[in-house]
Amino acid sequence: MTIKLIKTEADYKDALARLEIIFDSPIGTLESDEADLLGLMIDEYEKKHYPIEAPDPIEAIKIRMEEMKLKQIDLVNEIGGKSRVSEVLNKKRKLTVEMIRNLTKRLNLSPEILINDYQLLR
């Protein structure tokens, strides 16, 4: 088993190709250990070269609402009033700490997503 550090895009592509071949290797084999190491190195390379920006909190709420088949009226208890729900979802009003707490529980979303800043639309 020869492991090569991922320093270039070509190294990255080679590592992905190799990982695809050995991904389902039986646990405890050299190939399984190699897959674990490659996975870690690929993850580090991707974090550095392909960072994922935090999602917009309002878009995250809308996506989760769609997944859960919820309508705006369903979030009145968490946000407070039909007009306030509309203002928040249309980015006319910022989320408060209490709203974030309530939405975290109701929508099973991470508070880290909901506390991200976003631009209000005027």
PDB file of N, CA and C in Angstrom:
ATOM      1  N   MET A   1       0.854  -1.175   0.000  1.00  0.00           N
ATOM      2  CA  MET A   1       0.000   0.000   0.000  1.00  0.00           C
ATOM      3  C   MET A   1       0.894   1.230   0.000  1.00  0.00           C
ATOM      4  N   THR A   2       0.816   2.000  -1.078  1.00  0.00           N
ATOM      5  CA  THR A   2       1.565   3.236  -1.176  1.00  0.00           C
ATOM      6  C   THR A   2       0.579   4.389  -1.161  1.00  0.00           C
ATOM      7  N   ILE A   3       0.701   5.238  -0.165  1.00  0.00           N
ATOM      8  CA  ILE A   3      -0.180   6.394  -0.059  1.00  0.00           C
ATOM      9  C   ILE A   3       0.610   7.624  -0.474  1.00  0.00           C
ATOM     10  N   LYS A   4       0.015   8.397  -1.370  1.00  0.00           N
ATOM     11  CA  LYS A   4       0.644   9.616  -1.858  1.00  0.00           C
ATOM     12  C   LYS A   4      -0.185  10.799  -1.376  1.00  0.00           C
ATOM     13  N   LEU A   5       0.482  11.805  -0.838  1.00  0.00           N
ATOM     14  CA  LEU A   5      -0.235  13.004  -0.396  1.00  0.00           C
ATOM     15  C   LEU A   5      -0.937  13.672  -1.574  1.00  0.00           C
ATOM     16  N   ILE A   6      -2.063  14.298  -1.292  1.00  0.00           N
ATOM     17  CA  ILE A   6      -2.832  14.994  -2.328  1.00  0.00           C
ATOM     18  C   ILE A   6      -2.389  16.454  -2.326  1.00  0.00           C
ATOM     19  N   LYS A   7      -1.608  16.812  -3.347  1.00  0.00           N
ATOM     20  CA  LYS A   7      -1.073  18.167  -3.443  1.00  0.00           C
ATOM     21  C   LYS A   7      -1.626  18.929  -4.634  1.00  0.00           C
ATOM     22  N   THR A   8      -2.084  18.206  -5.641  1.00  0.00           N
ATOM     23  CA  THR A   8      -2.557  18.854  -6.866  1.00  0.00           C
ATOM     24  C   THR A   8      -3.943  18.321  -7.227  1.00  0.00           C
ATOM     25  N   GLU A   9      -4.570  18.980  -8.188  1.00  0.00           N
ATOM     26  CA  GLU A   9      -5.877  18.530  -8.670  1.00  0.00           C
ATOM     27  C   GLU A   9      -5.765  17.124  -9.285  1.00  0.00           C
ATOM     28  N   ALA A  10      -4.659  16.863  -9.959  1.00  0.00           N
ATOM     29  CA  ALA A  10      -4.436  15.535 -10.536  1.00  0.00           C
ATOM     30  C   ALA A  10      -4.331  14.476  -9.437  1.00  0.00           C
ATOM     31  N   ASP A  11      -3.601  14.801  -8.357  1.00  0.00           N
ATOM     32  CA  ASP A  11      -3.508  13.884  -7.215  1.00  0.00           C
ATOM     33  C   ASP A  11      -4.894  13.619  -6.636  1.00  0.00           C
ATOM     34  N   TYR A  12      -5.693  14.669  -6.551  1.00  0.00           N
ATOM     35  CA  TYR A  12      -7.053  14.572  -6.013  1.00  0.00           C
ATOM     36  C   TYR A  12      -7.902  13.624  -6.863  1.00  0.00           C
ATOM     37  N   LYS A  13      -7.845  13.807  -8.174  1.00  0.00           N
ATOM     38  CA  LYS A  13      -8.618  12.946  -9.075  1.00  0.00           C
ATOM     39  C   LYS A  13      -8.149  11.494  -8.999  1.00  0.00           C
ATOM     40  N   ASP A  14      -6.844  11.309  -8.904  1.00  0.00           N
ATOM     41  CA  ASP A  14      -6.296   9.952  -8.760  1.00  0.00           C
ATOM     42  C   ASP A  14      -6.785   9.308  -7.458  1.00  0.00           C
ATOM     43  N   ALA A  15      -6.782  10.091  -6.385  1.00  0.00           N
ATOM     44  CA  ALA A  15      -7.226   9.577  -5.091  1.00  0.00           C
ATOM     45  C   ALA A  15      -8.709   9.192  -5.132  1.00  0.00           C
ATOM     46  N   LEU A  16      -9.530  10.024  -5.773  1.00  0.00           N
ATOM     47  CA  LEU A  16     -10.954   9.705  -5.906  1.00  0.00           C
ATOM     48  C   LEU A  16     -11.156   8.410  -6.698  1.00  0.00           C
ATOM     49  N   ALA A  17     -10.399   8.273  -7.780  1.00  0.00           N
ATOM     50  CA  ALA A  17     -10.510   7.071  -8.609  1.00  0.00           C
ATOM     51  C   ALA A  17     -10.095   5.827  -7.804  1.00  0.00           C
ATOM     52  N   ARG A  18      -9.016   5.940  -7.061  1.00  0.00           N
ATOM     53  CA  ARG A  18      -8.545   4.808  -6.256  1.00  0.00           C
ATOM     54  C   ARG A  18      -9.559   4.469  -5.154  1.00  0.00           C
ATOM     55  N   LEU A  19     -10.101   5.498  -4.521  1.00  0.00           N
ATOM     56  CA  LEU A  19     -11.075   5.272  -3.455  1.00  0.00           C
ATOM     57  C   LEU A  19     -12.314   4.558  -3.995  1.00  0.00           C
ATOM     58  N   GLU A  20     -12.712   4.899  -5.195  1.00  0.00           N
ATOM     59  CA  GLU A  20     -13.873   4.242  -5.803  1.00  0.00           C
ATOM     60  C   GLU A  20     -13.628   2.736  -5.964  1.00  0.00           C
ATOM     61  N   ILE A  21     -12.408   2.377  -6.285  1.00  0.00           N
ATOM     62  CA  ILE A  21     -12.057   0.966  -6.487  1.00  0.00           C
ATOM     63  C   ILE A  21     -12.047   0.201  -5.164  1.00  0.00           C
ATOM     64  N   ILE A  22     -11.506   0.807  -4.115  1.00  0.00           N
ATOM     65  CA  ILE A  22     -11.296   0.075  -2.858  1.00  0.00           C
ATOM     66  C   ILE A  22     -12.337   0.392  -1.785  1.00  0.00           C
ATOM     67  N   PHE A  23     -13.335   1.196  -2.111  1.00  0.00           N
ATOM     68  CA  PHE A  23     -14.299   1.690  -1.125  1.00  0.00           C
ATOM     69  C   PHE A  23     -14.968   0.576  -0.323  1.00  0.00           C
ATOM     70  N   ASP A  24     -15.377  -0.477  -0.952  1.00  0.00           N
ATOM     71  CA  ASP A  24     -16.106  -1.558  -0.282  1.00  0.00           C
ATOM     72  C   ASP A  24     -15.216  -2.711   0.184  1.00  0.00           C
ATOM     73  N   SER A  25     -13.939  -2.442   0.378  1.00  0.00           N
ATOM     74  CA  SER A  25     -13.017  -3.488   0.836  1.00  0.00           C
ATOM     75  C   SER A  25     -13.413  -3.962   2.234  1.00  0.00           C
ATOM     76  N   PRO A  26     -13.230  -5.256   2.501  1.00  0.00           N
ATOM     77  CA  PRO A  26     -13.575  -5.786   3.826  1.00  0.00           C
ATOM     78  C   PRO A  26     -12.765  -5.095   4.930  1.00  0.00           C
ATOM     79  N   ILE A  27     -13.433  -4.808   6.023  1.00  0.00           N
ATOM     80  CA  ILE A  27     -12.785  -4.147   7.163  1.00  0.00           C
ATOM     81  C   ILE A  27     -11.653  -5.023   7.676  1.00  0.00           C
ATOM     82  N   GLY A  28     -10.537  -4.365   8.003  1.00  0.00           N
ATOM     83  CA  GLY A  28      -9.384  -5.085   8.518  1.00  0.00           C
ATOM     84  C   GLY A  28      -8.350  -5.415   7.456  1.00  0.00           C
ATOM     85  N   THR A  29      -8.682  -5.173   6.189  1.00  0.00           N
ATOM     86  CA  THR A  29      -7.726  -5.437   5.118  1.00  0.00           C
ATOM     87  C   THR A  29      -6.884  -4.192   4.866  1.00  0.00           C
ATOM     88  N   LEU A  30      -5.777  -4.374   4.164  1.00  0.00           N
ATOM     89  CA  LEU A  30      -4.933  -3.230   3.812  1.00  0.00           C
ATOM     90  C   LEU A  30      -5.703  -2.226   2.955  1.00  0.00           C
ATOM     91  N   GLU A  31      -6.550  -2.758   2.054  1.00  0.00           N
ATOM     92  CA  GLU A  31      -7.331  -1.872   1.191  1.00  0.00           C
ATOM     93  C   GLU A  31      -8.325  -1.042   2.001  1.00  0.00           C
ATOM     94  N   SER A  32      -8.892  -1.630   3.031  1.00  0.00           N
ATOM     95  CA  SER A  32      -9.820  -0.899   3.903  1.00  0.00           C
ATOM     96  C   SER A  32      -9.087   0.223   4.637  1.00  0.00           C
ATOM     97  N   ASP A  33      -7.902  -0.085   5.138  1.00  0.00           N
ATOM     98  CA  ASP A  33      -7.096   0.941   5.809  1.00  0.00           C
ATOM     99  C   ASP A  33      -6.712   2.048   4.828  1.00  0.00           C
ATOM    100  N   GLU A  34      -6.354   1.646   3.619  1.00  0.00           N
ATOM    101  CA  GLU A  34      -6.015   2.622   2.588  1.00  0.00           C
ATOM    102  C   GLU A  34      -7.219   3.508   2.275  1.00  0.00           C
ATOM    103  N   ALA A  35      -8.396   2.908   2.191  1.00  0.00           N
ATOM    104  CA  ALA A  35      -9.621   3.674   1.912  1.00  0.00           C
ATOM    105  C   ALA A  35      -9.884   4.692   3.016  1.00  0.00           C
ATOM    106  N   ASP A  36      -9.666   4.281   4.271  1.00  0.00           N
ATOM    107  CA  ASP A  36      -9.855   5.205   5.392  1.00  0.00           C
ATOM    108  C   ASP A  36      -8.905   6.406   5.279  1.00  0.00           C
ATOM    109  N   LEU A  37      -7.645   6.136   4.995  1.00  0.00           N
ATOM    110  CA  LEU A  37      -6.653   7.209   4.870  1.00  0.00           C
ATOM    111  C   LEU A  37      -6.958   8.110   3.679  1.00  0.00           C
ATOM    112  N   LEU A  38      -7.301   7.494   2.543  1.00  0.00           N
ATOM    113  CA  LEU A  38      -7.649   8.288   1.366  1.00  0.00           C
ATOM    114  C   LEU A  38      -8.853   9.176   1.644  1.00  0.00           C
ATOM    115  N   GLY A  39      -9.846   8.622   2.330  1.00  0.00           N
ATOM    116  CA  GLY A  39     -11.038   9.400   2.673  1.00  0.00           C
ATOM    117  C   GLY A  39     -10.692  10.628   3.491  1.00  0.00           C
ATOM    118  N   LEU A  40      -9.806  10.466   4.464  1.00  0.00           N
ATOM    119  CA  LEU A  40      -9.379  11.596   5.292  1.00  0.00           C
ATOM    120  C   LEU A  40      -8.628  12.645   4.473  1.00  0.00           C
ATOM    121  N   MET A  41      -7.726  12.173   3.618  1.00  0.00           N
ATOM    122  CA  MET A  41      -6.945  13.109   2.806  1.00  0.00           C
ATOM    123  C   MET A  41      -7.827  13.837   1.790  1.00  0.00           C
ATOM    124  N   ILE A  42      -8.758  13.115   1.199  1.00  0.00           N
ATOM    125  CA  ILE A  42      -9.678  13.731   0.234  1.00  0.00           C
ATOM    126  C   ILE A  42     -10.528  14.784   0.943  1.00  0.00           C
ATOM    127  N   ASP A  43     -11.005  14.465   2.130  1.00  0.00           N
ATOM    128  CA  ASP A  43     -11.811  15.402   2.904  1.00  0.00           C
ATOM    129  C   ASP A  43     -11.033  16.681   3.196  1.00  0.00           C
ATOM    130  N   GLU A  44      -9.795  16.555   3.612  1.00  0.00           N
ATOM    131  CA  GLU A  44      -8.963  17.730   3.907  1.00  0.00           C
ATOM    132  C   GLU A  44      -8.714  18.561   2.645  1.00  0.00           C
ATOM    133  N   TYR A  45      -8.443  17.900   1.535  1.00  0.00           N
ATOM    134  CA  TYR A  45      -8.213  18.606   0.277  1.00  0.00           C
ATOM    135  C   TYR A  45      -9.472  19.369  -0.129  1.00  0.00           C
ATOM    136  N   GLU A  46     -10.631  18.730   0.007  1.00  0.00           N
ATOM    137  CA  GLU A  46     -11.894  19.375  -0.377  1.00  0.00           C
ATOM    138  C   GLU A  46     -12.214  20.554   0.524  1.00  0.00           C
ATOM    139  N   LYS A  47     -11.937  20.428   1.816  1.00  0.00           N
ATOM    140  CA  LYS A  47     -12.180  21.548   2.741  1.00  0.00           C
ATOM    141  C   LYS A  47     -11.350  22.766   2.342  1.00  0.00           C
ATOM    142  N   LYS A  48     -10.122  22.517   1.899  1.00  0.00           N
ATOM    143  CA  LYS A  48      -9.221  23.607   1.537  1.00  0.00           C
ATOM    144  C   LYS A  48      -9.542  24.186   0.166  1.00  0.00           C
ATOM    145  N   HIS A  49      -9.858  23.334  -0.799  1.00  0.00           N
ATOM    146  CA  HIS A  49      -9.998  23.784  -2.185  1.00  0.00           C
ATOM    147  C   HIS A  49     -11.444  23.935  -2.656  1.00  0.00           C
ATOM    148  N   TYR A  50     -12.371  23.336  -1.954  1.00  0.00           N
ATOM    149  CA  TYR A  50     -13.791  23.425  -2.325  1.00  0.00           C
ATOM    150  C   TYR A  50     -14.645  23.701  -1.087  1.00  0.00           C
ATOM    151  N   PRO A  51     -14.373  24.817  -0.403  1.00  0.00           N
ATOM    152  CA  PRO A  51     -15.134  25.077   0.826  1.00  0.00           C
ATOM    153  C   PRO A  51     -16.623  25.273   0.518  1.00  0.00           C
ATOM    154  N   ILE A  52     -17.435  24.772   1.415  1.00  0.00           N
ATOM    155  CA  ILE A  52     -18.882  24.915   1.274  1.00  0.00           C
ATOM    156  C   ILE A  52     -19.322  26.059   2.172  1.00  0.00           C
ATOM    157  N   GLU A  53     -19.958  27.046   1.571  1.00  0.00           N
ATOM    158  CA  GLU A  53     -20.442  28.171   2.358  1.00  0.00           C
ATOM    159  C   GLU A  53     -21.658  27.753   3.162  1.00  0.00           C
ATOM    160  N   ALA A  54     -21.818  28.419   4.289  1.00  0.00           N
ATOM    161  CA  ALA A  54     -22.979  28.137   5.125  1.00  0.00           C
ATOM    162  C   ALA A  54     -24.251  28.484   4.360  1.00  0.00           C
ATOM    163  N   PRO A  55     -25.266  27.647   4.492  1.00  0.00           N
ATOM    164  CA  PRO A  55     -26.505  27.927   3.766  1.00  0.00           C
ATOM    165  C   PRO A  55     -27.225  29.143   4.336  1.00  0.00           C
ATOM    166  N   ASP A  56     -27.976  29.790   3.497  1.00  0.00           N
ATOM    167  CA  ASP A  56     -28.815  30.902   3.925  1.00  0.00           C
ATOM    168  C   ASP A  56     -29.874  30.333   4.877  1.00  0.00           C
ATOM    169  N   PRO A  57     -30.017  30.921   6.077  1.00  0.00           N
ATOM    170  CA  PRO A  57     -30.954  30.364   7.056  1.00  0.00           C
ATOM    171  C   PRO A  57     -32.398  30.315   6.543  1.00  0.00           C
ATOM    172  N   ILE A  58     -32.820  31.332   5.833  1.00  0.00           N
ATOM    173  CA  ILE A  58     -34.202  31.368   5.357  1.00  0.00           C
ATOM    174  C   ILE A  58     -34.417  30.294   4.288  1.00  0.00           C
ATOM    175  N   GLU A  59     -33.435  30.105   3.415  1.00  0.00           N
ATOM    176  CA  GLU A  59     -33.549  29.040   2.415  1.00  0.00           C
ATOM    177  C   GLU A  59     -33.583  27.671   3.090  1.00  0.00           C
ATOM    178  N   ALA A  60     -32.790  27.505   4.151  1.00  0.00           N
ATOM    179  CA  ALA A  60     -32.788  26.240   4.893  1.00  0.00           C
ATOM    180  C   ALA A  60     -34.166  25.982   5.503  1.00  0.00           C
ATOM    181  N   ILE A  61     -34.780  27.022   6.048  1.00  0.00           N
ATOM    182  CA  ILE A  61     -36.130  26.889   6.621  1.00  0.00           C
ATOM    183  C   ILE A  61     -37.120  26.493   5.529  1.00  0.00           C
ATOM    184  N   LYS A  62     -37.044  27.172   4.388  1.00  0.00           N
ATOM    185  CA  LYS A  62     -37.980  26.885   3.293  1.00  0.00           C
ATOM    186  C   LYS A  62     -37.808  25.457   2.773  1.00  0.00           C
ATOM    187  N   ILE A  63     -36.576  25.006   2.655  1.00  0.00           N
ATOM    188  CA  ILE A  63     -36.310  23.637   2.196  1.00  0.00           C
ATOM    189  C   ILE A  63     -36.898  22.638   3.181  1.00  0.00           C
ATOM    190  N   ARG A  64     -36.655  22.871   4.473  1.00  0.00           N
ATOM    191  CA  ARG A  64     -37.182  21.945   5.485  1.00  0.00           C
ATOM    192  C   ARG A  64     -38.701  21.980   5.517  1.00  0.00           C
ATOM    193  N   MET A  65     -39.290  23.155   5.338  1.00  0.00           N
ATOM    194  CA  MET A  65     -40.757  23.250   5.285  1.00  0.00           C
ATOM    195  C   MET A  65     -41.299  22.400   4.132  1.00  0.00           C
ATOM    196  N   GLU A  66     -40.626  22.484   2.995  1.00  0.00           N
ATOM    197  CA  GLU A  66     -41.052  21.705   1.828  1.00  0.00           C
ATOM    198  C   GLU A  66     -40.922  20.208   2.114  1.00  0.00           C
ATOM    199  N   GLU A  67     -39.804  19.820   2.716  1.00  0.00           N
ATOM    200  CA  GLU A  67     -39.588  18.413   3.048  1.00  0.00           C
ATOM    201  C   GLU A  67     -40.660  17.883   4.002  1.00  0.00           C
ATOM    202  N   MET A  68     -41.067  18.756   4.937  1.00  0.00           N
ATOM    203  CA  MET A  68     -42.051  18.351   5.945  1.00  0.00           C
ATOM    204  C   MET A  68     -43.486  18.680   5.513  1.00  0.00           C
ATOM    205  N   LYS A  69     -43.619  19.216   4.296  1.00  0.00           N
ATOM    206  CA  LYS A  69     -44.930  19.597   3.749  1.00  0.00           C
ATOM    207  C   LYS A  69     -45.658  20.579   4.672  1.00  0.00           C
ATOM    208  N   LEU A  70     -44.907  21.590   5.131  1.00  0.00           N
ATOM    209  CA  LEU A  70     -45.476  22.620   5.998  1.00  0.00           C
ATOM    210  C   LEU A  70     -45.788  23.873   5.199  1.00  0.00           C
ATOM    211  N   LYS A  71     -46.780  24.596   5.664  1.00  0.00           N
ATOM    212  CA  LYS A  71     -47.126  25.896   5.087  1.00  0.00           C
ATOM    213  C   LYS A  71     -46.709  26.972   6.082  1.00  0.00           C
ATOM    214  N   GLN A  72     -46.733  28.229   5.635  1.00  0.00           N
ATOM    215  CA  GLN A  72     -46.332  29.321   6.526  1.00  0.00           C
ATOM    216  C   GLN A  72     -47.135  29.317   7.819  1.00  0.00           C
ATOM    217  N   ILE A  73     -48.416  29.044   7.721  1.00  0.00           N
ATOM    218  CA  ILE A  73     -49.292  29.046   8.903  1.00  0.00           C
ATOM    219  C   ILE A  73     -48.817  28.051   9.960  1.00  0.00           C
ATOM    220  N   ASP A  74     -48.122  26.996   9.520  1.00  0.00           N
ATOM    221  CA  ASP A  74     -47.646  25.969  10.449  1.00  0.00           C
ATOM    222  C   ASP A  74     -46.512  26.461  11.349  1.00  0.00           C
ATOM    223  N   LEU A  75     -45.934  27.609  11.028  1.00  0.00           N
ATOM    224  CA  LEU A  75     -44.825  28.140  11.834  1.00  0.00           C
ATOM    225  C   LEU A  75     -45.219  29.325  12.705  1.00  0.00           C
ATOM    226  N   VAL A  76     -46.514  29.577  12.801  1.00  0.00           N
ATOM    227  CA  VAL A  76     -46.993  30.705  13.606  1.00  0.00           C
ATOM    228  C   VAL A  76     -46.544  30.573  15.064  1.00  0.00           C
ATOM    229  N   ASN A  77     -46.652  29.381  15.630  1.00  0.00           N
ATOM    230  CA  ASN A  77     -46.251  29.195  17.035  1.00  0.00           C
ATOM    231  C   ASN A  77     -44.761  29.424  17.249  1.00  0.00           C
ATOM    232  N   GLU A  78     -43.946  29.096  16.239  1.00  0.00           N
ATOM    233  CA  GLU A  78     -42.497  29.229  16.383  1.00  0.00           C
ATOM    234  C   GLU A  78     -42.021  30.662  16.121  1.00  0.00           C
ATOM    235  N   ILE A  79     -42.706  31.365  15.221  1.00  0.00           N
ATOM    236  CA  ILE A  79     -42.251  32.698  14.812  1.00  0.00           C
ATOM    237  C   ILE A  79     -43.140  33.803  15.384  1.00  0.00           C
ATOM    238  N   GLY A  80     -44.443  33.562  15.429  1.00  0.00           N
ATOM    239  CA  GLY A  80     -45.354  34.528  16.038  1.00  0.00           C
ATOM    240  C   GLY A  80     -46.180  35.319  15.045  1.00  0.00           C
ATOM    241  N   GLY A  81     -47.374  34.874  14.761  1.00  0.00           N
ATOM    242  CA  GLY A  81     -48.289  35.603  13.888  1.00  0.00           C
ATOM    243  C   GLY A  81     -48.028  35.340  12.414  1.00  0.00           C
ATOM    244  N   LYS A  82     -49.137  35.305  11.646  1.00  0.00           N
ATOM    245  CA  LYS A  82     -49.022  35.030  10.210  1.00  0.00           C
ATOM    246  C   LYS A  82     -48.182  36.082   9.491  1.00  0.00           C
ATOM    247  N   SER A  83     -48.388  37.354   9.835  1.00  0.00           N
ATOM    248  CA  SER A  83     -47.641  38.407   9.139  1.00  0.00           C
ATOM    249  C   SER A  83     -46.152  38.343   9.481  1.00  0.00           C
ATOM    250  N   ARG A  84     -45.822  37.982  10.710  1.00  0.00           N
ATOM    251  CA  ARG A  84     -44.411  37.876  11.100  1.00  0.00           C
ATOM    252  C   ARG A  84     -43.742  36.716  10.371  1.00  0.00           C
ATOM    253  N   VAL A  85     -44.446  35.592  10.237  1.00  0.00           N
ATOM    254  CA  VAL A  85     -43.899  34.455   9.494  1.00  0.00           C
ATOM    255  C   VAL A  85     -43.591  34.893   8.067  1.00  0.00           C
ATOM    256  N   SER A  86     -44.528  35.600   7.451  1.00  0.00           N
ATOM    257  CA  SER A  86     -44.345  36.087   6.086  1.00  0.00           C
ATOM    258  C   SER A  86     -43.158  37.034   5.991  1.00  0.00           C
ATOM    259  N   GLU A  87     -43.042  37.947   6.949  1.00  0.00           N
ATOM    260  CA  GLU A  87     -41.921  38.897   6.947  1.00  0.00           C
ATOM    261  C   GLU A  87     -40.580  38.170   7.051  1.00  0.00           C
ATOM    262  N   VAL A  88     -40.510  37.182   7.930  1.00  0.00           N
ATOM    263  CA  VAL A  88     -39.259  36.432   8.110  1.00  0.00           C
ATOM    264  C   VAL A  88     -38.923  35.657   6.842  1.00  0.00           C
ATOM    265  N   LEU A  89     -39.902  34.928   6.300  1.00  0.00           N
ATOM    266  CA  LEU A  89     -39.637  34.085   5.128  1.00  0.00           C
ATOM    267  C   LEU A  89     -39.379  34.905   3.863  1.00  0.00           C
ATOM    268  N   ASN A  90     -39.815  36.161   3.853  1.00  0.00           N
ATOM    269  CA  ASN A  90     -39.541  37.051   2.725  1.00  0.00           C
ATOM    270  C   ASN A  90     -38.366  37.994   3.003  1.00  0.00           C
ATOM    271  N   LYS A  91     -37.632  37.688   4.074  1.00  0.00           N
ATOM    272  CA  LYS A  91     -36.420  38.428   4.460  1.00  0.00           C
ATOM    273  C   LYS A  91     -36.684  39.906   4.701  1.00  0.00           C
ATOM    274  N   LYS A  92     -37.822  40.202   5.290  1.00  0.00           N
ATOM    275  CA  LYS A  92     -38.151  41.579   5.680  1.00  0.00           C
ATOM    276  C   LYS A  92     -37.856  41.782   7.165  1.00  0.00           C
ATOM    277  N   ARG A  93     -37.694  40.688   7.887  1.00  0.00           N
ATOM    278  CA  ARG A  93     -37.439  40.729   9.326  1.00  0.00           C
ATOM    279  C   ARG A  93     -36.430  39.635   9.667  1.00  0.00           C
ATOM    280  N   LYS A  94     -35.504  39.961  10.566  1.00  0.00           N
ATOM    281  CA  LYS A  94     -34.480  39.001  10.999  1.00  0.00           C
ATOM    282  C   LYS A  94     -35.060  38.008  12.003  1.00  0.00           C
ATOM    283  N   LEU A  95     -34.456  36.839  12.031  1.00  0.00           N
ATOM    284  CA  LEU A  95     -34.789  35.849  13.048  1.00  0.00           C
ATOM    285  C   LEU A  95     -34.294  36.332  14.405  1.00  0.00           C
ATOM    286  N   THR A  96     -35.076  36.120  15.446  1.00  0.00           N
ATOM    287  CA  THR A  96     -34.632  36.432  16.804  1.00  0.00           C
ATOM    288  C   THR A  96     -34.094  35.151  17.435  1.00  0.00           C
ATOM    289  N   VAL A  97     -33.440  35.300  18.577  1.00  0.00           N
ATOM    290  CA  VAL A  97     -32.905  34.135  19.287  1.00  0.00           C
ATOM    291  C   VAL A  97     -34.041  33.181  19.653  1.00  0.00           C
ATOM    292  N   GLU A  98     -35.168  33.727  20.105  1.00  0.00           N
ATOM    293  CA  GLU A  98     -36.300  32.869  20.467  1.00  0.00           C
ATOM    294  C   GLU A  98     -36.846  32.131  19.248  1.00  0.00           C
ATOM    295  N   MET A  99     -36.947  32.816  18.116  1.00  0.00           N
ATOM    296  CA  MET A  99     -37.401  32.158  16.887  1.00  0.00           C
ATOM    297  C   MET A  99     -36.447  31.025  16.515  1.00  0.00           C
ATOM    298  N   ILE A 100     -35.152  31.282  16.611  1.00  0.00           N
ATOM    299  CA  ILE A 100     -34.149  30.266  16.272  1.00  0.00           C
ATOM    300  C   ILE A 100     -34.301  29.047  17.168  1.00  0.00           C
ATOM    301  N   ARG A 101     -34.484  29.283  18.465  1.00  0.00           N
ATOM    302  CA  ARG A 101     -34.691  28.158  19.397  1.00  0.00           C
ATOM    303  C   ARG A 101     -35.917  27.343  18.994  1.00  0.00           C
ATOM    304  N   ASN A 102     -37.015  28.035  18.723  1.00  0.00           N
ATOM    305  CA  ASN A 102     -38.265  27.353  18.362  1.00  0.00           C
ATOM    306  C   ASN A 102     -38.142  26.596  17.041  1.00  0.00           C
ATOM    307  N   LEU A 103     -37.531  27.233  16.051  1.00  0.00           N
ATOM    308  CA  LEU A 103     -37.393  26.610  14.733  1.00  0.00           C
ATOM    309  C   LEU A 103     -36.435  25.426  14.772  1.00  0.00           C
ATOM    310  N   THR A 104     -35.413  25.517  15.608  1.00  0.00           N
ATOM    311  CA  THR A 104     -34.474  24.409  15.765  1.00  0.00           C
ATOM    312  C   THR A 104     -35.220  23.157  16.200  1.00  0.00           C
ATOM    313  N   LYS A 105     -36.107  23.318  17.167  1.00  0.00           N
ATOM    314  CA  LYS A 105     -36.884  22.171  17.664  1.00  0.00           C
ATOM    315  C   LYS A 105     -37.918  21.718  16.642  1.00  0.00           C
ATOM    316  N   ARG A 106     -38.670  22.658  16.104  1.00  0.00           N
ATOM    317  CA  ARG A 106     -39.794  22.318  15.212  1.00  0.00           C
ATOM    318  C   ARG A 106     -39.328  21.691  13.905  1.00  0.00           C
ATOM    319  N   LEU A 107     -38.256  22.260  13.338  1.00  0.00           N
ATOM    320  CA  LEU A 107     -37.795  21.825  12.016  1.00  0.00           C
ATOM    321  C   LEU A 107     -36.601  20.880  12.078  1.00  0.00           C
ATOM    322  N   ASN A 108     -36.109  20.628  13.287  1.00  0.00           N
ATOM    323  CA  ASN A 108     -34.930  19.779  13.468  1.00  0.00           C
ATOM    324  C   ASN A 108     -33.764  20.281  12.619  1.00  0.00           C
ATOM    325  N   LEU A 109     -33.524  21.577  12.719  1.00  0.00           N
ATOM    326  CA  LEU A 109     -32.400  22.208  12.025  1.00  0.00           C
ATOM    327  C   LEU A 109     -31.340  22.581  13.051  1.00  0.00           C
ATOM    328  N   SER A 110     -30.113  22.594  12.621  1.00  0.00           N
ATOM    329  CA  SER A 110     -29.015  22.978  13.495  1.00  0.00           C
ATOM    330  C   SER A 110     -29.076  24.485  13.772  1.00  0.00           C
ATOM    331  N   PRO A 111     -28.891  24.876  15.027  1.00  0.00           N
ATOM    332  CA  PRO A 111     -28.859  26.317  15.325  1.00  0.00           C
ATOM    333  C   PRO A 111     -27.743  27.026  14.554  1.00  0.00           C
ATOM    334  N   GLU A 112     -26.646  26.296  14.246  1.00  0.00           N
ATOM    335  CA  GLU A 112     -25.546  26.904  13.491  1.00  0.00           C
ATOM    336  C   GLU A 112     -26.007  27.392  12.124  1.00  0.00           C
ATOM    337  N   ILE A 113     -26.949  26.694  11.521  1.00  0.00           N
ATOM    338  CA  ILE A 113     -27.478  27.121  10.227  1.00  0.00           C
ATOM    339  C   ILE A 113     -28.317  28.383  10.406  1.00  0.00           C
ATOM    340  N   LEU A 114     -29.165  28.379  11.437  1.00  0.00           N
ATOM    341  CA  LEU A 114     -30.120  29.468  11.611  1.00  0.00           C
ATOM    342  C   LEU A 114     -29.486  30.761  12.114  1.00  0.00           C
ATOM    343  N   ILE A 115     -28.324  30.690  12.744  1.00  0.00           N
ATOM    344  CA  ILE A 115     -27.716  31.922  13.248  1.00  0.00           C
ATOM    345  C   ILE A 115     -26.870  32.641  12.193  1.00  0.00           C
ATOM    346  N   ASN A 116     -26.674  32.015  11.037  1.00  0.00           N
ATOM    347  CA  ASN A 116     -25.916  32.680   9.977  1.00  0.00           C
ATOM    348  C   ASN A 116     -26.625  33.954   9.545  1.00  0.00           C
ATOM    349  N   ASP A 117     -25.833  34.952   9.236  1.00  0.00           N
ATOM    350  CA  ASP A 117     -26.389  36.245   8.847  1.00  0.00           C
ATOM    351  C   ASP A 117     -26.890  36.192   7.404  1.00  0.00           C
ATOM    352  N   TYR A 118     -27.817  37.043   7.102  1.00  0.00           N
ATOM    353  CA  TYR A 118     -28.351  37.159   5.747  1.00  0.00           C
ATOM    354  C   TYR A 118     -28.846  38.591   5.550  1.00  0.00           C
ATOM    355  N   GLN A 119     -28.941  38.986   4.288  1.00  0.00           N
ATOM    356  CA  GLN A 119     -29.365  40.328   3.940  1.00  0.00           C
ATOM    357  C   GLN A 119     -30.887  40.444   3.979  1.00  0.00           C
ATOM    358  N   LEU A 120     -31.353  41.502   4.626  1.00  0.00           N
ATOM    359  CA  LEU A 120     -32.782  41.793   4.575  1.00  0.00           C
ATOM    360  C   LEU A 120     -33.100  42.412   3.216  1.00  0.00           C
ATOM    361  N   LEU A 121     -34.277  42.150   2.724  1.00  0.00           N
ATOM    362  CA  LEU A 121     -34.737  42.740   1.464  1.00  0.00           C
ATOM    363  C   LEU A 121     -35.689  43.871   1.809  1.00  0.00           C
ATOM    364  N   ARG A 122     -35.458  45.001   1.251  1.00  0.00           N
ATOM    365  CA  ARG A 122     -36.311  46.166   1.551  1.00  0.00           C
ATOM    366  C   ARG A 122     -37.148  46.535   0.379  1.00  0.00           C
TER     367      ARG A 122
END
